[in-house]
C-alpha atoms as a PDB file:
ATOM      1  CA  MET A   1     104.782  47.344  41.964  1.00  0.00           C
ATOM      2  CA  LYS A   2     101.983  47.991  44.340  1.00  0.00           C
ATOM      3  CA  ARG A   3      99.435  46.916  41.799  1.00  0.00           C
ATOM      4  CA  GLY A   4     101.409  43.766  41.086  1.00  0.00           C
ATOM      5  CA  TRP A   5     101.538  42.783  44.756  1.00  0.00           C
ATOM      6  CA  THR A   6      97.865  43.461  45.118  1.00  0.00           C
ATOM      7  CA  LEU A   7      97.083  41.148  42.182  1.00  0.00           C
ATOM      8  CA  LYS A   8      99.332  38.414  43.540  1.00  0.00           C
ATOM      9  CA  SER A   9      97.736  38.712  46.974  1.00  0.00           C
ATOM     10  CA  GLY A  10      94.251  38.370  45.433  1.00  0.00           C
ATOM     11  CA  VAL A  11      95.216  35.213  43.539  1.00  0.00           C
ATOM     12  CA  LEU A  12      96.745  33.638  46.639  1.00  0.00           C
ATOM     13  CA  LEU A  13      93.656  34.473  48.710  1.00  0.00           C
ATOM     14  CA  ALA A  14      91.362  32.901  46.071  1.00  0.00           C
ATOM     15  CA  LEU A  15      93.483  29.765  46.014  1.00  0.00           C
ATOM     16  CA  CYS A  16      93.323  29.478  49.793  1.00  0.00           C
ATOM     17  CA  VAL A  17      89.543  29.924  49.769  1.00  0.00           C
ATOM     18  CA  ASN A  18      89.134  27.257  47.046  1.00  0.00           C
ATOM     19  CA  VAL A  19      91.375  24.833  48.937  1.00  0.00           C
ATOM     20  CA  ALA A  20      89.443  25.413  52.147  1.00  0.00           C
ATOM     21  CA  TYR A  21      86.128  24.942  50.310  1.00  0.00           C
ATOM     22  CA  ALA A  22      87.390  21.746  48.697  1.00  0.00           C
ATOM     23  CA  ASP A  23      88.492  20.457  52.107  1.00  0.00           C
ATOM     24  CA  ASP A  24      85.051  21.162  53.536  1.00  0.00           C
ATOM     25  CA  ASN A  25      83.322  19.273  50.683  1.00  0.00           C
ATOM     26  CA  THR A  26      85.648  16.316  51.143  1.00  0.00           C
ATOM     27  CA  ASN A  27      84.887  16.151  54.842  1.00  0.00           C
ATOM     28  CA  ASP A  28      81.151  16.314  54.208  1.00  0.00           C
ATOM     29  CA  ARG A  29      81.383  13.567  51.615  1.00  0.00           C
ATOM     30  CA  ILE A  30      83.429  11.378  53.972  1.00  0.00           C
ATOM     31  CA  MET A  31      80.828  11.882  56.725  1.00  0.00           C
ATOM     32  CA  GLN A  32      78.014  10.944  54.343  1.00  0.00           C
ATOM     33  CA  LEU A  33      79.830   7.781  53.287  1.00  0.00           C
ATOM     34  CA  GLN A  34      80.477   6.849  56.901  1.00  0.00           C
ATOM     35  CA  LYS A  35      76.788   7.345  57.726  1.00  0.00           C
ATOM     36  CA  MET A  36      75.711   5.174  54.773  1.00  0.00           C
ATOM     37  CA  LEU A  37      78.179   2.486  55.819  1.00  0.00           C
ATOM     38  CA  GLU A  38      76.837   2.517  59.385  1.00  0.00           C
ATOM     39  CA  GLU A  39      73.251   2.145  58.096  1.00  0.00           C
ATOM     40  CA  GLN A  40      74.241  -0.788  55.861  1.00  0.00           C
ATOM     41  CA  GLN A  41      76.059  -2.430  58.745  1.00  0.00           C
ATOM     42  CA  TRP A  42      72.914  -2.040  60.922  1.00  0.00           C
ATOM     43  CA  GLN A  43      70.753  -3.619  58.192  1.00  0.00           C
ATOM     44  CA  MET A  44      73.193  -6.488  57.783  1.00  0.00           C
ATOM     45  CA  LYS A  45      73.185  -7.012  61.539  1.00  0.00           C
ATOM     46  CA  ALA A  46      69.364  -7.081  61.617  1.00  0.00           C
ATOM     47  CA  MET A  47      69.295  -9.594  58.755  1.00  0.00           C
ATOM     48  CA  ALA A  48      71.860 -11.755  60.552  1.00  0.00           C
ATOM     49  CA  GLU A  49      69.734 -11.742  63.734  1.00  0.00           C
ATOM     50  CA  GLU A  50      66.603 -12.684  61.769  1.00  0.00           C
ATOM     51  CA  LEU A  51      68.453 -15.500  60.034  1.00  0.00           C
ATOM     52  CA  LYS A  52      69.763 -16.699  63.377  1.00  0.00           C
ATOM     53  CA  ALA A  53      66.220 -16.767  64.764  1.00  0.00           C
ATOM     54  CA  LEU A  54      65.173 -19.099  61.927  1.00  0.00           C
ATOM     55  CA  GLN A  55      68.055 -21.435  62.587  1.00  0.00           C
ATOM     56  CA  GLY A  56      68.713 -23.818  65.393  1.00  0.00           C
ATOM     57  CA  ALA A  57      71.881 -24.600  67.245  1.00  0.00           C
ATOM     58  CA  GLY A  58      74.867 -25.325  65.026  1.00  0.00           C
ATOM     59  CA  GLY A  59      73.296 -23.443  62.100  1.00  0.00           C
ATOM     60  CA  LYS A  60      70.680 -26.173  61.354  1.00  0.00           C
ATOM     61  CA  ALA A  61      67.096 -25.129  60.634  1.00  0.00           C
ATOM     62  CA  GLU A  62      64.513 -26.270  63.180  1.00  0.00           C
ATOM     63  CA  GLY A  63      61.507 -25.531  60.965  1.00  0.00           C
ATOM     64  CA  GLN A  64      60.010 -23.491  58.172  1.00  0.00           C
ATOM     65  CA  PRO A  65      57.879 -20.364  58.248  1.00  0.00           C
ATOM     66  CA  VAL A  66      54.108 -20.894  58.538  1.00  0.00           C
ATOM     67  CA  PHE A  67      51.901 -19.350  55.871  1.00  0.00           C
ATOM     68  CA  ALA A  68      48.212 -18.515  56.251  1.00  0.00           C
ATOM     69  CA  SER A  69      45.577 -18.568  53.519  1.00  0.00           C
ATOM     70  CA  PHE A  70      41.997 -17.324  53.781  1.00  0.00           C
ATOM     71  CA  LYS A  71      40.678 -18.615  50.458  1.00  0.00           C
ATOM     72  CA  ASP A  72      37.905 -21.193  50.919  1.00  0.00           C
ATOM     73  CA  GLY A  73      38.332 -21.013  54.698  1.00  0.00           C
ATOM     74  CA  MET A  74      41.323 -20.523  56.934  1.00  0.00           C
ATOM     75  CA  LYS A  75      44.350 -22.709  56.171  1.00  0.00           C
ATOM     76  CA  LEU A  76      47.805 -22.891  57.713  1.00  0.00           C
ATOM     77  CA  GLY A  77      50.807 -24.621  56.155  1.00  0.00           C
ATOM     78  CA  ASP A  78      54.564 -24.520  55.706  1.00  0.00           C
ATOM     79  CA  GLY A  79      54.441 -24.099  51.934  1.00  0.00           C
ATOM     80  CA  SER A  80      56.198 -27.400  51.244  1.00  0.00           C
ATOM     81  CA  GLY A  81      53.071 -29.542  51.341  1.00  0.00           C
ATOM     82  CA  ASN A  82      54.379 -31.579  54.277  1.00  0.00           C
ATOM     83  CA  TRP A  83      51.472 -30.421  56.405  1.00  0.00           C
ATOM     84  CA  GLN A  84      48.390 -28.222  56.253  1.00  0.00           C
ATOM     85  CA  LEU A  85      45.782 -27.360  58.868  1.00  0.00           C
ATOM     86  CA  ALA A  86      42.323 -26.193  57.774  1.00  0.00           C
ATOM     87  CA  ILE A  87      39.699 -24.787  60.139  1.00  0.00           C
ATOM     88  CA  ASN A  88      36.120 -25.460  59.037  1.00  0.00           C
ATOM     89  CA  GLY A  89      32.722 -24.610  60.423  1.00  0.00           C
ATOM     90  CA  ARG A  90      29.187 -23.646  59.561  1.00  0.00           C
ATOM     91  CA  VAL A  91      26.040 -22.228  61.100  1.00  0.00           C
ATOM     92  CA  GLN A  92      22.687 -22.937  59.447  1.00  0.00           C
ATOM     93  CA  ALA A  93      19.628 -21.323  61.011  1.00  0.00           C
ATOM     94  CA  ASP A  94      15.985 -21.214  60.003  1.00  0.00           C
ATOM     95  CA  ALA A  95      12.615 -19.936  61.105  1.00  0.00           C
ATOM     96  CA  ARG A  96       9.228 -21.635  60.727  1.00  0.00           C
ATOM     97  CA  VAL A  97       5.933 -19.774  60.617  1.00  0.00           C
ATOM     98  CA  PHE A  98       2.647 -21.722  60.582  1.00  0.00           C
ATOM     99  CA  HIS A  99      -0.796 -20.629  59.496  1.00  0.00           C
ATOM    100  CA  PRO A 100      -3.235 -20.823  61.080  1.00  0.00           C
ATOM    101  CA  ASP A 101      -1.530 -20.096  64.366  1.00  0.00           C
ATOM    102  CA  GLU A 102      -3.251 -22.982  66.148  1.00  0.00           C
ATOM    103  CA  SER A 103      -1.521 -25.634  64.016  1.00  0.00           C
ATOM    104  CA  ALA A 104       1.961 -25.299  65.540  1.00  0.00           C
ATOM    105  CA  ALA A 105       4.189 -22.810  67.262  1.00  0.00           C
ATOM    106  CA  ASP A 106       6.349 -20.467  65.217  1.00  0.00           C
ATOM    107  CA  THR A 107       9.968 -21.378  65.860  1.00  0.00           C
ATOM    108  CA  PHE A 108      13.477 -20.090  65.343  1.00  0.00           C
ATOM    109  CA  SER A 109      16.119 -22.809  65.358  1.00  0.00           C
ATOM    110  CA  VAL A 110      19.781 -23.438  64.701  1.00  0.00           C
ATOM    111  CA  ARG A 111      19.741 -26.364  62.326  1.00  0.00           C
ATOM    112  CA  ARG A 112      23.504 -26.940  62.399  1.00  0.00           C
ATOM    113  CA  ALA A 113      26.383 -25.284  64.215  1.00  0.00           C
ATOM    114  CA  ARG A 114      29.637 -27.102  63.611  1.00  0.00           C
ATOM    115  CA  LEU A 115      33.283 -26.356  64.163  1.00  0.00           C
ATOM    116  CA  GLY A 116      36.186 -28.619  63.315  1.00  0.00           C
ATOM    117  CA  ALA A 117      39.616 -28.982  61.790  1.00  0.00           C
ATOM    118  CA  ALA A 118      41.240 -31.144  59.142  1.00  0.00           C
ATOM    119  CA  MET A 119      44.984 -31.743  58.972  1.00  0.00           C
ATOM    120  CA  THR A 120      46.975 -33.134  56.061  1.00  0.00           C
ATOM    121  CA  PHE A 121      50.559 -34.266  56.527  1.00  0.00           C
ATOM    122  CA  TYR A 122      53.098 -35.771  54.130  1.00  0.00           C
ATOM    123  CA  LYS A 123      50.443 -35.201  51.405  1.00  0.00           C
ATOM    124  CA  ASP A 124      49.076 -38.755  51.667  1.00  0.00           C
ATOM    125  CA  TYR A 125      47.656 -38.775  55.203  1.00  0.00           C
ATOM    126  CA  SER A 126      44.913 -36.689  56.768  1.00  0.00           C
ATOM    127  CA  ALA A 127      42.694 -36.533  59.822  1.00  0.00           C
ATOM    128  CA  ARG A 128      39.452 -34.702  60.531  1.00  0.00           C
ATOM    129  CA  VAL A 129      37.591 -33.904  63.752  1.00  0.00           C
ATOM    130  CA  GLU A 130      34.324 -31.974  63.913  1.00  0.00           C
ATOM    131  CA  GLY A 131      31.718 -31.306  66.576  1.00  0.00           C
ATOM    132  CA  GLU A 132      28.020 -30.440  66.439  1.00  0.00           C
ATOM    133  CA  TYR A 133      26.935 -27.714  68.857  1.00  0.00           C
ATOM    134  CA  SER A 134      23.361 -26.966  67.819  1.00  0.00           C
ATOM    135  CA  GLY A 135      21.644 -29.343  70.241  1.00  0.00           C
ATOM    136  CA  THR A 136      21.431 -29.384  74.005  1.00  0.00           C
ATOM    137  CA  SER A 137      24.787 -31.202  74.141  1.00  0.00           C
ATOM    138  CA  THR A 138      27.877 -31.424  72.001  1.00  0.00           C
ATOM    139  CA  THR A 139      28.018 -34.424  69.684  1.00  0.00           C
ATOM    140  CA  LEU A 140      30.772 -35.768  67.478  1.00  0.00           C
ATOM    141  CA  THR A 141      30.181 -35.780  63.720  1.00  0.00           C
ATOM    142  CA  HIS A 142      33.446 -36.511  61.893  1.00  0.00           C
ATOM    143  CA  ALA A 143      36.426 -38.153  63.598  1.00  0.00           C
ATOM    144  CA  TYR A 144      38.428 -40.203  61.105  1.00  0.00           C
ATOM    145  CA  PHE A 145      41.872 -40.846  59.651  1.00  0.00           C
ATOM    146  CA  ASP A 146      42.535 -41.150  55.913  1.00  0.00           C
ATOM    147  CA  ILE A 147      45.278 -42.879  53.933  1.00  0.00           C
ATOM    148  CA  ASP A 148      45.189 -41.372  50.432  1.00  0.00           C
ATOM    149  CA  LYS A 149      48.439 -42.610  48.919  1.00  0.00           C
ATOM    150  CA  PHE A 150      46.688 -44.163  45.914  1.00  0.00           C
ATOM    151  CA  LYS A 151      43.601 -42.656  44.301  1.00  0.00           C
ATOM    152  CA  GLN A 152      42.441 -46.156  43.299  1.00  0.00           C
ATOM    153  CA  VAL A 153      42.407 -47.417  46.899  1.00  0.00           C
ATOM    154  CA  LYS A 154      41.891 -45.043  49.804  1.00  0.00           C
ATOM    155  CA  ILE A 155      41.289 -46.151  53.383  1.00  0.00           C
ATOM    156  CA  ARG A 156      39.247 -44.326  56.016  1.00  0.00           C
ATOM    157  CA  PHE A 157      38.620 -45.506  59.552  1.00  0.00           C
ATOM    158  CA  GLY A 158      36.970 -43.916  62.555  1.00  0.00           C
ATOM    159  CA  GLN A 159      33.623 -42.133  62.634  1.00  0.00           C
ATOM    160  CA  PHE A 160      32.442 -40.896  59.249  1.00  0.00           C
ATOM    161  CA  LYS A 161      29.473 -40.617  56.888  1.00  0.00           C
ATOM    162  CA  PRO A 162      28.928 -43.805  54.837  1.00  0.00           C
ATOM    163  CA  PHE A 163      28.094 -42.985  51.226  1.00  0.00           C
ATOM    164  CA  TYR A 164      24.488 -44.232  51.003  1.00  0.00           C
ATOM    165  CA  GLY A 165      23.236 -42.782  47.749  1.00  0.00           C
ATOM    166  CA  LEU A 166      23.722 -39.397  46.118  1.00  0.00           C
ATOM    167  CA  GLU A 167      21.893 -37.012  48.451  1.00  0.00           C
ATOM    168  CA  ARG A 168      23.319 -38.585  51.616  1.00  0.00           C
ATOM    169  CA  SER A 169      26.846 -38.336  50.218  1.00  0.00           C
ATOM    170  CA  MET A 170      26.483 -34.599  49.571  1.00  0.00           C
ATOM    171  CA  SER A 171      27.370 -32.011  52.197  1.00  0.00           C
ATOM    172  CA  THR A 172      24.490 -29.979  53.606  1.00  0.00           C
ATOM    173  CA  ASN A 173      26.289 -26.923  52.209  1.00  0.00           C
ATOM    174  CA  PHE A 174      25.492 -28.028  48.660  1.00  0.00           C
ATOM    175  CA  THR A 175      22.076 -29.722  48.734  1.00  0.00           C
ATOM    176  CA  ASP A 176      19.432 -28.185  46.487  1.00  0.00           C
ATOM    177  CA  PHE A 177      16.860 -27.853  49.261  1.00  0.00           C
ATOM    178  CA  GLN A 178      16.834 -26.925  52.923  1.00  0.00           C
ATOM    179  CA  GLU A 179      15.304 -30.264  53.917  1.00  0.00           C
ATOM    180  CA  ARG A 180      16.675 -33.608  52.767  1.00  0.00           C
ATOM    181  CA  SER A 181      14.164 -35.826  51.022  1.00  0.00           C
ATOM    182  CA  LEU A 182      12.001 -38.471  52.679  1.00  0.00           C
ATOM    183  CA  ALA A 183      14.071 -41.067  50.834  1.00  0.00           C
ATOM    184  CA  ASP A 184      17.044 -40.005  52.939  1.00  0.00           C
ATOM    185  CA  ALA A 185      15.062 -40.686  56.135  1.00  0.00           C
ATOM    186  CA  LEU A 186      14.902 -44.405  55.257  1.00  0.00           C
ATOM    187  CA  LEU A 187      18.682 -44.657  55.661  1.00  0.00           C
ATOM    188  CA  GLY A 188      18.775 -44.001  59.405  1.00  0.00           C
ATOM    189  CA  GLY A 189      21.611 -42.212  61.167  1.00  0.00           C
ATOM    190  CA  THR A 190      24.021 -40.055  59.186  1.00  0.00           C
ATOM    191  CA  PHE A 191      27.302 -41.016  60.879  1.00  0.00           C
ATOM    192  CA  ASP A 192      28.673 -44.435  61.776  1.00  0.00           C
ATOM    193  CA  ARG A 193      31.882 -46.074  62.959  1.00  0.00           C
ATOM    194  CA  GLY A 194      34.034 -48.577  61.143  1.00  0.00           C
ATOM    195  CA  VAL A 195      36.365 -48.769  58.158  1.00  0.00           C
ATOM    196  CA  MET A 196      35.765 -47.805  54.535  1.00  0.00           C
ATOM    197  CA  VAL A 197      37.727 -48.505  51.351  1.00  0.00           C
ATOM    198  CA  HIS A 198      36.977 -46.187  48.440  1.00  0.00           C
ATOM    199  CA  GLY A 199      38.582 -44.709  45.378  1.00  0.00           C
ATOM    200  CA  THR A 200      38.590 -43.982  41.657  1.00  0.00           C
ATOM    201  CA  PRO A 201      40.001 -46.950  39.704  1.00  0.00           C
ATOM    202  CA  MET A 202      39.604 -44.993  36.454  1.00  0.00           C
ATOM    203  CA  ASN A 203      38.332 -41.564  35.491  1.00  0.00           C
ATOM    204  CA  GLY A 204      34.579 -41.330  35.915  1.00  0.00           C
ATOM    205  CA  ILE A 205      34.237 -44.464  38.084  1.00  0.00           C
ATOM    206  CA  TYR A 206      33.925 -44.283  41.873  1.00  0.00           C
ATOM    207  CA  TYR A 207      33.338 -47.057  44.415  1.00  0.00           C
ATOM    208  CA  SER A 208      33.102 -47.390  48.192  1.00  0.00           C
ATOM    209  CA  ALA A 209      32.738 -50.376  50.519  1.00  0.00           C
ATOM    210  CA  ALA A 210      32.337 -50.115  54.288  1.00  0.00           C
ATOM    211  CA  TRP A 211      32.181 -52.401  57.316  1.00  0.00           C
ATOM    212  CA  ILE A 212      30.431 -50.451  60.073  1.00  0.00           C
ATOM    213  CA  ASN A 213      28.419 -50.828  63.269  1.00  0.00           C
ATOM    214  CA  GLY A 214      25.150 -50.030  61.511  1.00  0.00           C
ATOM    215  CA  ASN A 215      23.620 -48.674  64.713  1.00  0.00           C
ATOM    216  CA  ASN A 216      24.534 -45.003  64.337  1.00  0.00           C
ATOM    217  CA  ALA A 217      27.653 -43.339  65.657  1.00  0.00           C
ATOM    218  CA  ASP A 218      26.838 -43.401  69.374  1.00  0.00           C
ATOM    219  CA  GLU A 219      25.907 -47.090  69.652  1.00  0.00           C
ATOM    220  CA  SER A 220      27.871 -50.323  69.529  1.00  0.00           C
ATOM    221  CA  ASP A 221      27.101 -53.962  68.782  1.00  0.00           C
ATOM    222  CA  ALA A 222      27.385 -54.995  72.392  1.00  0.00           C
ATOM    223  CA  LYS A 223      25.295 -58.191  72.340  1.00  0.00           C
ATOM    224  CA  HIS A 224      25.822 -60.034  69.064  1.00  0.00           C
ATOM    225  CA  ASP A 225      28.697 -58.112  67.465  1.00  0.00           C
ATOM    226  CA  ASN A 226      26.665 -57.587  64.306  1.00  0.00           C
ATOM    227  CA  LYS A 227      28.065 -55.300  61.629  1.00  0.00           C
ATOM    228  CA  ASP A 228      26.657 -53.770  58.466  1.00  0.00           C
ATOM    229  CA  LEU A 229      28.243 -54.294  55.069  1.00  0.00           C
ATOM    230  CA  MET A 230      27.570 -51.737  52.352  1.00  0.00           C
ATOM    231  CA  ALA A 231      28.840 -51.048  48.845  1.00  0.00           C
ATOM    232  CA  ARG A 232      28.253 -48.277  46.310  1.00  0.00           C
ATOM    233  CA  LEU A 233      29.300 -47.898  42.674  1.00  0.00           C
ATOM    234  CA  THR A 234      28.822 -44.826  40.468  1.00  0.00           C
ATOM    235  CA  GLY A 235      29.927 -43.664  37.038  1.00  0.00           C
ATOM    236  CA  ASN A 236      29.848 -40.508  34.940  1.00  0.00           C
ATOM    237  CA  ILE A 237      29.132 -41.448  31.313  1.00  0.00           C
ATOM    238  CA  ALA A 238      29.793 -37.890  30.139  1.00  0.00           C
ATOM    239  CA  GLU A 239      33.373 -38.124  31.307  1.00  0.00           C
ATOM    240  CA  PHE A 240      33.899 -41.302  29.282  1.00  0.00           C
ATOM    241  CA  ALA A 241      32.327 -39.750  26.192  1.00  0.00           C
ATOM    242  CA  GLY A 242      34.256 -36.507  26.527  1.00  0.00           C
ATOM    243  CA  TRP A 243      31.142 -34.335  26.809  1.00  0.00           C
ATOM    244  CA  LYS A 244      32.374 -31.086  28.306  1.00  0.00           C
ATOM    245  CA  ASP A 245      30.142 -29.062  30.633  1.00  0.00           C
ATOM    246  CA  ALA A 246      27.849 -32.082  31.032  1.00  0.00           C
ATOM    247  CA  VAL A 247      27.190 -34.757  33.671  1.00  0.00           C
ATOM    248  CA  VAL A 248      25.492 -38.124  33.174  1.00  0.00           C
ATOM    249  CA  HIS A 249      25.808 -39.710  36.595  1.00  0.00           C
ATOM    250  CA  VAL A 250      24.348 -43.146  37.358  1.00  0.00           C
ATOM    251  CA  GLY A 251      24.905 -45.401  40.350  1.00  0.00           C
ATOM    252  CA  GLY A 252      23.529 -47.547  43.096  1.00  0.00           C
ATOM    253  CA  PHE A 253      24.219 -48.990  46.548  1.00  0.00           C
ATOM    254  CA  TYR A 254      23.268 -51.952  48.717  1.00  0.00           C
ATOM    255  CA  SER A 255      23.600 -52.551  52.450  1.00  0.00           C
ATOM    256  CA  TYR A 256      22.816 -55.483  54.713  1.00  0.00           C
ATOM    257  CA  GLY A 257      23.047 -55.837  58.488  1.00  0.00           C
ATOM    258  CA  LYS A 258      21.243 -56.519  61.743  1.00  0.00           C
ATOM    259  CA  GLN A 259      20.214 -53.872  64.227  1.00  0.00           C
ATOM    260  CA  GLU A 260      20.591 -54.870  67.857  1.00  0.00           C
ATOM    261  CA  GLY A 261      17.685 -55.003  70.237  1.00  0.00           C
ATOM    262  CA  GLY A 262      17.656 -51.712  72.092  1.00  0.00           C
ATOM    263  CA  SER A 263      18.978 -49.748  69.116  1.00  0.00           C
ATOM    264  CA  ALA A 264      17.084 -46.667  67.965  1.00  0.00           C
ATOM    265  CA  ILE A 265      14.546 -47.000  65.197  1.00  0.00           C
ATOM    266  CA  PRO A 266      14.992 -44.756  62.121  1.00  0.00           C
ATOM    267  CA  VAL A 267      13.412 -41.332  62.392  1.00  0.00           C
ATOM    268  CA  MET A 268      10.819 -41.481  59.628  1.00  0.00           C
ATOM    269  CA  GLN A 269       9.610 -37.913  59.217  1.00  0.00           C
ATOM    270  CA  THR A 270       7.840 -36.041  56.448  1.00  0.00           C
ATOM    271  CA  GLU A 271       9.351 -32.920  54.955  1.00  0.00           C
ATOM    272  CA  ALA A 272       9.347 -29.577  56.761  1.00  0.00           C
ATOM    273  CA  ARG A 273       9.805 -31.523  59.995  1.00  0.00           C
ATOM    274  CA  GLY A 274       6.270 -32.857  59.862  1.00  0.00           C
ATOM    275  CA  TYR A 275       4.775 -36.125  61.067  1.00  0.00           C
ATOM    276  CA  LYS A 276       6.921 -39.003  62.250  1.00  0.00           C
ATOM    277  CA  PHE A 277       5.981 -42.601  61.589  1.00  0.00           C
ATOM    278  CA  PHE A 278       7.282 -46.097  62.155  1.00  0.00           C
ATOM    279  CA  GLU A 279       4.596 -47.934  64.083  1.00  0.00           C
ATOM    280  CA  THR A 280       5.180 -51.492  65.284  1.00  0.00           C
ATOM    281  CA  THR A 281       4.391 -53.531  68.373  1.00  0.00           C
ATOM    282  CA  ASP A 282       8.029 -54.584  68.641  1.00  0.00           C
ATOM    283  CA  THR A 283       9.350 -51.224  69.789  1.00  0.00           C
ATOM    284  CA  SER A 284       9.738 -49.564  73.160  1.00  0.00           C
ATOM    285  CA  ALA A 285      10.720 -45.950  73.833  1.00  0.00           C
ATOM    286  CA  ASN A 286      11.565 -45.474  70.122  1.00  0.00           C
ATOM    287  CA  LYS A 287      13.913 -48.478  70.178  1.00  0.00           C
ATOM    288  CA  PHE A 288      13.674 -51.982  68.773  1.00  0.00           C
ATOM    289  CA  THR A 289      12.893 -54.582  71.417  1.00  0.00           C
ATOM    290  CA  ASN A 290      14.587 -57.462  69.560  1.00  0.00           C
ATOM    291  CA  PRO A 291      17.249 -57.671  66.824  1.00  0.00           C
ATOM    292  CA  VAL A 292      15.998 -56.580  63.398  1.00  0.00           C
ATOM    293  CA  ASP A 293      17.311 -57.685  59.994  1.00  0.00           C
ATOM    294  CA  ARG A 294      17.697 -54.653  57.773  1.00  0.00           C
ATOM    295  CA  THR A 295      18.482 -54.280  54.070  1.00  0.00           C
ATOM    296  CA  ARG A 296      18.780 -50.999  52.204  1.00  0.00           C
ATOM    297  CA  GLY A 297      19.359 -50.300  48.544  1.00  0.00           C
ATOM    298  CA  GLY A 298      18.928 -47.557  46.013  1.00  0.00           C
ATOM    299  CA  ALA A 299      19.527 -46.223  42.520  1.00  0.00           C
ATOM    300  CA  GLU A 300      20.598 -42.677  41.660  1.00  0.00           C
ATOM    301  CA  LEU A 301      20.667 -40.482  38.577  1.00  0.00           C
ATOM    302  CA  ALA A 302      21.940 -36.965  37.923  1.00  0.00           C
ATOM    303  CA  LEU A 303      21.911 -35.168  34.569  1.00  0.00           C
ATOM    304  CA  ALA A 304      23.424 -31.728  34.087  1.00  0.00           C
ATOM    305  CA  ASN A 305      24.209 -29.516  31.139  1.00  0.00           C
ATOM    306  CA  GLY A 306      25.185 -25.897  31.600  1.00  0.00           C
ATOM    307  CA  PRO A 307      22.861 -24.213  34.133  1.00  0.00           C
ATOM    308  CA  ILE A 308      20.270 -27.034  34.268  1.00  0.00           C
ATOM    309  CA  LYS A 309      20.452 -30.068  36.556  1.00  0.00           C
ATOM    310  CA  LEU A 310      18.042 -32.980  36.991  1.00  0.00           C
ATOM    311  CA  GLN A 311      18.573 -35.272  39.977  1.00  0.00           C
ATOM    312  CA  GLY A 312      16.608 -38.217  41.328  1.00  0.00           C
ATOM    313  CA  GLU A 313      16.870 -41.246  43.605  1.00  0.00           C
ATOM    314  CA  TYR A 314      14.886 -44.328  44.557  1.00  0.00           C
ATOM    315  CA  ILE A 315      15.600 -45.921  47.943  1.00  0.00           C
ATOM    316  CA  ARG A 316      14.083 -49.051  49.451  1.00  0.00           C
ATOM    317  CA  ALA A 317      14.490 -50.318  53.017  1.00  0.00           C
ATOM    318  CA  ASN A 318      13.222 -53.510  54.636  1.00  0.00           C
ATOM    319  CA  PHE A 319      12.993 -54.094  58.401  1.00  0.00           C
ATOM    320  CA  ASP A 320      12.262 -57.697  59.385  1.00  0.00           C
ATOM    321  CA  GLY A 321      11.704 -58.158  63.124  1.00  0.00           C
ATOM    322  CA  THR A 322      10.288 -60.822  65.384  1.00  0.00           C
ATOM    323  CA  ASN A 323       6.690 -59.650  65.160  1.00  0.00           C
ATOM    324  CA  PHE A 324       6.692 -57.375  62.146  1.00  0.00           C
ATOM    325  CA  SER A 325       8.050 -56.766  58.660  1.00  0.00           C
ATOM    326  CA  ARG A 326       8.218 -53.335  57.079  1.00  0.00           C
ATOM    327  CA  ASP A 327       9.044 -52.832  53.416  1.00  0.00           C
ATOM    328  CA  MET A 328       9.310 -49.113  52.732  1.00  0.00           C
ATOM    329  CA  SER A 329      10.363 -47.151  49.670  1.00  0.00           C
ATOM    330  CA  ALA A 330      10.597 -43.525  48.648  1.00  0.00           C
ATOM    331  CA  TRP A 331      11.817 -41.509  45.693  1.00  0.00           C
ATOM    332  CA  TYR A 332      12.364 -37.920  44.728  1.00  0.00           C
ATOM    333  CA  ALA A 333      13.115 -35.951  41.580  1.00  0.00           C
ATOM    334  CA  SER A 334      14.367 -32.399  41.486  1.00  0.00           C
ATOM    335  CA  LEU A 335      14.969 -29.930  38.676  1.00  0.00           C
ATOM    336  CA  ARG A 336      17.220 -26.966  39.213  1.00  0.00           C
ATOM    337  CA  SER A 337      18.113 -24.105  36.933  1.00  0.00           C
ATOM    338  CA  ARG A 338      19.868 -20.831  37.556  1.00  0.00           C
ATOM    339  CA  CYS A 339      17.185 -19.127  35.483  1.00  0.00           C
ATOM    340  CA  LEU A 340      14.005 -21.097  36.195  1.00  0.00           C
ATOM    341  CA  GLY A 341      14.286 -21.818  39.924  1.00  0.00           C
ATOM    342  CA  VAL A 342      13.736 -25.150  41.646  1.00  0.00           C
ATOM    343  CA  GLY A 343      10.958 -27.736  41.602  1.00  0.00           C
ATOM    344  CA  ARG A 344      10.519 -31.145  43.250  1.00  0.00           C
ATOM    345  CA  GLN A 345       8.177 -34.085  43.111  1.00  0.00           C
ATOM    346  CA  LEU A 346       8.077 -36.674  45.879  1.00  0.00           C
ATOM    347  CA  ASP A 347       6.242 -39.968  46.241  1.00  0.00           C
ATOM    348  CA  THR A 348       6.401 -42.585  49.009  1.00  0.00           C
END
């Protein structure tokens, strides 16, 4: 009997211990579930607050997140294409050393230091503003508005670079040489004010036509309201023929206008910032004394296949004043190869 009661007591004690242990595990599990539920509720609350921050009153969105891209410069946009802001700039510096020392002073210079921004909105409209900071004062380079709804007919008005020839149309970031050619010097100022219509009516064909002051960006036709008219047409034969990895570019331009008396004469200067020339008795303080009829025209050619590129231009300018007439022309040819280097011939 005693042994029987002892056995029964042991079984009952084991059952009580197991029940107590099971109760403890259940409580721990319930506490873990409650903790997980509290964490999920906190996450849901944080997500709700973030969503609320992106929404306006009444649950309507006030805007979209802004995304930043650092490929090919810094760009900001909303991802939908409705608008994009691009920050652009450049610094180009050089040093000149002359031998013998008596010929000229060795010089360090900042050739260009520019900072600007371009904004595109609703995909078909854009604006660009850029300043030049390398001189003694800040000057405006680009300041224009574009309407690009149709690739065949685009409109630009404001201050911009008219497309006189191939080298002038290229950015200084992509020219083959540090100095532009002497042919470019015949064209006068780089930037001008007015309106330009340009576009690509078919693949491989590009045209531009502009009505501009003709007296550089910082001058106006105050006396006679004279304007310059210019037109340019180019084509890429290789694109028509379907020649891949090749370029056969041909084109030309023509411009006619009248420079006001008191307007600056073109800076005719040899390469490497050498001698300047444009001598006439009808100038005063590097400006024309009387109005001057001016015509400019040129032909351009560029051939490229793989790593080799041949480029050349011929430009002619005529200045017909009261007491003088200047008929000037210049040409250049350049050969560039990734393997062979660069060479140029120039004649004036």
